[in-house]
Amino acid sequence: MGIVKIDDQLHEEARRASAVMCRSINAQAEFWMKIGMLAEANPTLSFNEIIARERTADAA
């Protein structure tokens, strides 16, 4: 595990989003990073398609 320095504004956005999604700030940032990596690796998929694939993978 490491430390990642992020911009204060991005941290605030993660804090607000984490409250809405009932996640910790770290879990929210990790979620965004994972979805971003999947989006870059699969540029033809929409956000909803990526989430659907992840839900299917988690259920297996």
N, C-alpha and C. Protein backbone atom coordinates (compact mmCIF):
# COMPACT_ATOMS: atom_id res chain seq x y z
N MET A 1 0.85 -1.16 0.00
CA MET A 1 0.00 0.00 0.00
C MET A 1 0.90 1.23 0.00
N GLY A 2 0.47 2.25 -0.71
CA GLY A 2 1.27 3.46 -0.79
C GLY A 2 0.43 4.69 -0.54
N ILE A 3 1.10 5.80 -0.60
CA ILE A 3 0.43 7.09 -0.42
C ILE A 3 0.35 7.77 -1.77
N VAL A 4 -0.82 8.29 -2.10
CA VAL A 4 -1.03 8.99 -3.36
C VAL A 4 -1.40 10.42 -3.04
N LYS A 5 -0.67 11.37 -3.59
CA LYS A 5 -0.98 12.78 -3.38
C LYS A 5 -1.93 13.22 -4.49
N ILE A 6 -3.06 13.76 -4.09
CA ILE A 6 -4.02 14.28 -5.06
C ILE A 6 -4.34 15.73 -4.74
N ASP A 7 -4.83 16.42 -5.73
CA ASP A 7 -5.22 17.82 -5.61
C ASP A 7 -6.31 17.97 -4.54
N ASP A 8 -6.28 19.05 -3.80
CA ASP A 8 -7.26 19.29 -2.73
C ASP A 8 -8.69 19.28 -3.26
N GLN A 9 -8.91 19.85 -4.43
CA GLN A 9 -10.26 19.89 -5.01
C GLN A 9 -10.75 18.48 -5.34
N LEU A 10 -9.88 17.66 -5.89
CA LEU A 10 -10.25 16.27 -6.20
C LEU A 10 -10.54 15.51 -4.91
N HIS A 11 -9.77 15.76 -3.87
CA HIS A 11 -10.02 15.12 -2.58
C HIS A 11 -11.39 15.51 -2.05
N GLU A 12 -11.74 16.78 -2.18
CA GLU A 12 -13.06 17.25 -1.73
C GLU A 12 -14.18 16.59 -2.54
N GLU A 13 -13.98 16.45 -3.83
CA GLU A 13 -14.98 15.78 -4.67
C GLU A 13 -15.13 14.31 -4.26
N ALA A 14 -14.02 13.65 -3.96
CA ALA A 14 -14.06 12.26 -3.50
C ALA A 14 -14.77 12.17 -2.15
N ARG A 15 -14.52 13.15 -1.28
CA ARG A 15 -15.18 13.16 0.03
C ARG A 15 -16.70 13.29 -0.13
N ARG A 16 -17.14 14.20 -1.00
CA ARG A 16 -18.58 14.38 -1.22
C ARG A 16 -19.20 13.14 -1.84
N ALA A 17 -18.53 12.59 -2.86
CA ALA A 17 -19.06 11.39 -3.53
C ALA A 17 -19.08 10.21 -2.57
N SER A 18 -18.08 10.09 -1.71
CA SER A 18 -18.03 8.96 -0.78
C SER A 18 -19.19 9.01 0.20
N ALA A 19 -19.60 10.19 0.60
CA ALA A 19 -20.73 10.32 1.52
C ALA A 19 -22.02 9.85 0.85
N VAL A 20 -22.21 10.22 -0.40
CA VAL A 20 -23.41 9.82 -1.13
C VAL A 20 -23.44 8.31 -1.38
N MET A 21 -22.28 7.74 -1.68
CA MET A 21 -22.19 6.32 -2.03
C MET A 21 -21.92 5.42 -0.81
N CYS A 22 -21.86 6.02 0.38
CA CYS A 22 -21.60 5.26 1.62
C CYS A 22 -20.30 4.47 1.53
N ARG A 23 -19.27 5.13 1.01
CA ARG A 23 -17.92 4.55 0.93
C ARG A 23 -16.98 5.45 1.71
N SER A 24 -15.84 4.89 2.09
CA SER A 24 -14.79 5.74 2.65
C SER A 24 -14.21 6.58 1.50
N ILE A 25 -13.49 7.62 1.84
CA ILE A 25 -12.85 8.43 0.81
C ILE A 25 -11.87 7.57 0.01
N ASN A 26 -11.12 6.72 0.70
CA ASN A 26 -10.17 5.85 0.00
C ASN A 26 -10.88 4.87 -0.92
N ALA A 27 -12.00 4.30 -0.47
CA ALA A 27 -12.76 3.37 -1.31
C ALA A 27 -13.32 4.08 -2.53
N GLN A 28 -13.75 5.33 -2.36
CA GLN A 28 -14.27 6.10 -3.50
C GLN A 28 -13.17 6.36 -4.51
N ALA A 29 -12.00 6.77 -4.04
CA ALA A 29 -10.88 7.02 -4.94
C ALA A 29 -10.46 5.73 -5.64
N GLU A 30 -10.44 4.62 -4.91
CA GLU A 30 -10.09 3.33 -5.51
C GLU A 30 -11.10 2.94 -6.58
N PHE A 31 -12.40 3.17 -6.32
CA PHE A 31 -13.45 2.88 -7.30
C PHE A 31 -13.23 3.70 -8.57
N TRP A 32 -12.99 5.00 -8.40
CA TRP A 32 -12.75 5.85 -9.57
C TRP A 32 -11.53 5.40 -10.36
N MET A 33 -10.48 5.02 -9.66
CA MET A 33 -9.27 4.56 -10.36
C MET A 33 -9.54 3.28 -11.14
N LYS A 34 -10.24 2.35 -10.51
CA LYS A 34 -10.53 1.08 -11.18
C LYS A 34 -11.40 1.31 -12.42
N ILE A 35 -12.45 2.10 -12.29
CA ILE A 35 -13.33 2.38 -13.43
C ILE A 35 -12.56 3.12 -14.51
N GLY A 36 -11.71 4.05 -14.13
CA GLY A 36 -10.89 4.77 -15.11
C GLY A 36 -9.96 3.85 -15.88
N MET A 37 -9.33 2.92 -15.15
CA MET A 37 -8.43 1.96 -15.82
C MET A 37 -9.22 1.08 -16.79
N LEU A 38 -10.40 0.62 -16.36
CA LEU A 38 -11.23 -0.21 -17.24
C LEU A 38 -11.73 0.58 -18.45
N ALA A 39 -12.05 1.85 -18.24
CA ALA A 39 -12.51 2.70 -19.35
C ALA A 39 -11.39 2.91 -20.37
N GLU A 40 -10.17 3.11 -19.90
CA GLU A 40 -9.04 3.27 -20.82
C GLU A 40 -8.77 1.98 -21.59
N ALA A 41 -8.90 0.85 -20.91
CA ALA A 41 -8.64 -0.45 -21.55
C ALA A 41 -9.77 -0.87 -22.48
N ASN A 42 -10.97 -0.30 -22.28
CA ASN A 42 -12.15 -0.67 -23.07
C ASN A 42 -12.87 0.58 -23.54
N PRO A 43 -12.26 1.36 -24.45
CA PRO A 43 -12.81 2.67 -24.81
C PRO A 43 -14.17 2.63 -25.50
N THR A 44 -14.60 1.48 -25.98
CA THR A 44 -15.90 1.42 -26.65
C THR A 44 -17.04 1.14 -25.68
N LEU A 45 -16.72 0.83 -24.42
CA LEU A 45 -17.76 0.53 -23.44
C LEU A 45 -18.20 1.80 -22.72
N SER A 46 -19.49 1.86 -22.43
CA SER A 46 -20.02 2.97 -21.63
C SER A 46 -19.77 2.68 -20.15
N PHE A 47 -19.96 3.69 -19.33
CA PHE A 47 -19.84 3.51 -17.88
C PHE A 47 -20.77 2.39 -17.41
N ASN A 48 -22.02 2.41 -17.87
CA ASN A 48 -23.00 1.40 -17.46
C ASN A 48 -22.57 -0.01 -17.89
N GLU A 49 -21.98 -0.13 -19.06
CA GLU A 49 -21.49 -1.44 -19.52
C GLU A 49 -20.32 -1.92 -18.66
N ILE A 50 -19.46 -1.01 -18.29
CA ILE A 50 -18.33 -1.38 -17.43
C ILE A 50 -18.85 -1.86 -16.07
N ILE A 51 -19.79 -1.13 -15.50
CA ILE A 51 -20.36 -1.51 -14.21
C ILE A 51 -21.05 -2.87 -14.31
N ALA A 52 -21.81 -3.08 -15.37
CA ALA A 52 -22.51 -4.37 -15.55
C ALA A 52 -21.51 -5.52 -15.64
N ARG A 53 -20.42 -5.32 -16.36
CA ARG A 53 -19.39 -6.36 -16.45
C ARG A 53 -18.75 -6.64 -15.10
N GLU A 54 -18.50 -5.59 -14.34
CA GLU A 54 -17.90 -5.76 -13.02
C GLU A 54 -18.84 -6.47 -12.07
N ARG A 55 -20.12 -6.18 -12.15
CA ARG A 55 -21.10 -6.87 -11.30
C ARG A 55 -21.15 -8.35 -11.65
N THR A 56 -21.08 -8.66 -12.93
CA THR A 56 -21.09 -10.06 -13.38
C THR A 56 -19.83 -10.77 -12.90
N ALA A 57 -18.69 -10.09 -12.99
CA ALA A 57 -17.41 -10.67 -12.56
C ALA A 57 -17.41 -10.90 -11.05
N ASP A 58 -17.99 -9.97 -10.30
CA ASP A 58 -18.03 -10.10 -8.83
C ASP A 58 -18.95 -11.24 -8.40
N ALA A 59 -19.98 -11.50 -9.19
CA ALA A 59 -20.94 -12.56 -8.84
C ALA A 59 -20.38 -13.96 -9.14
N ALA A 60 -19.40 -14.01 -10.02
CA ALA A 60 -18.86 -15.33 -10.41
C ALA A 60 -17.91 -15.90 -9.38
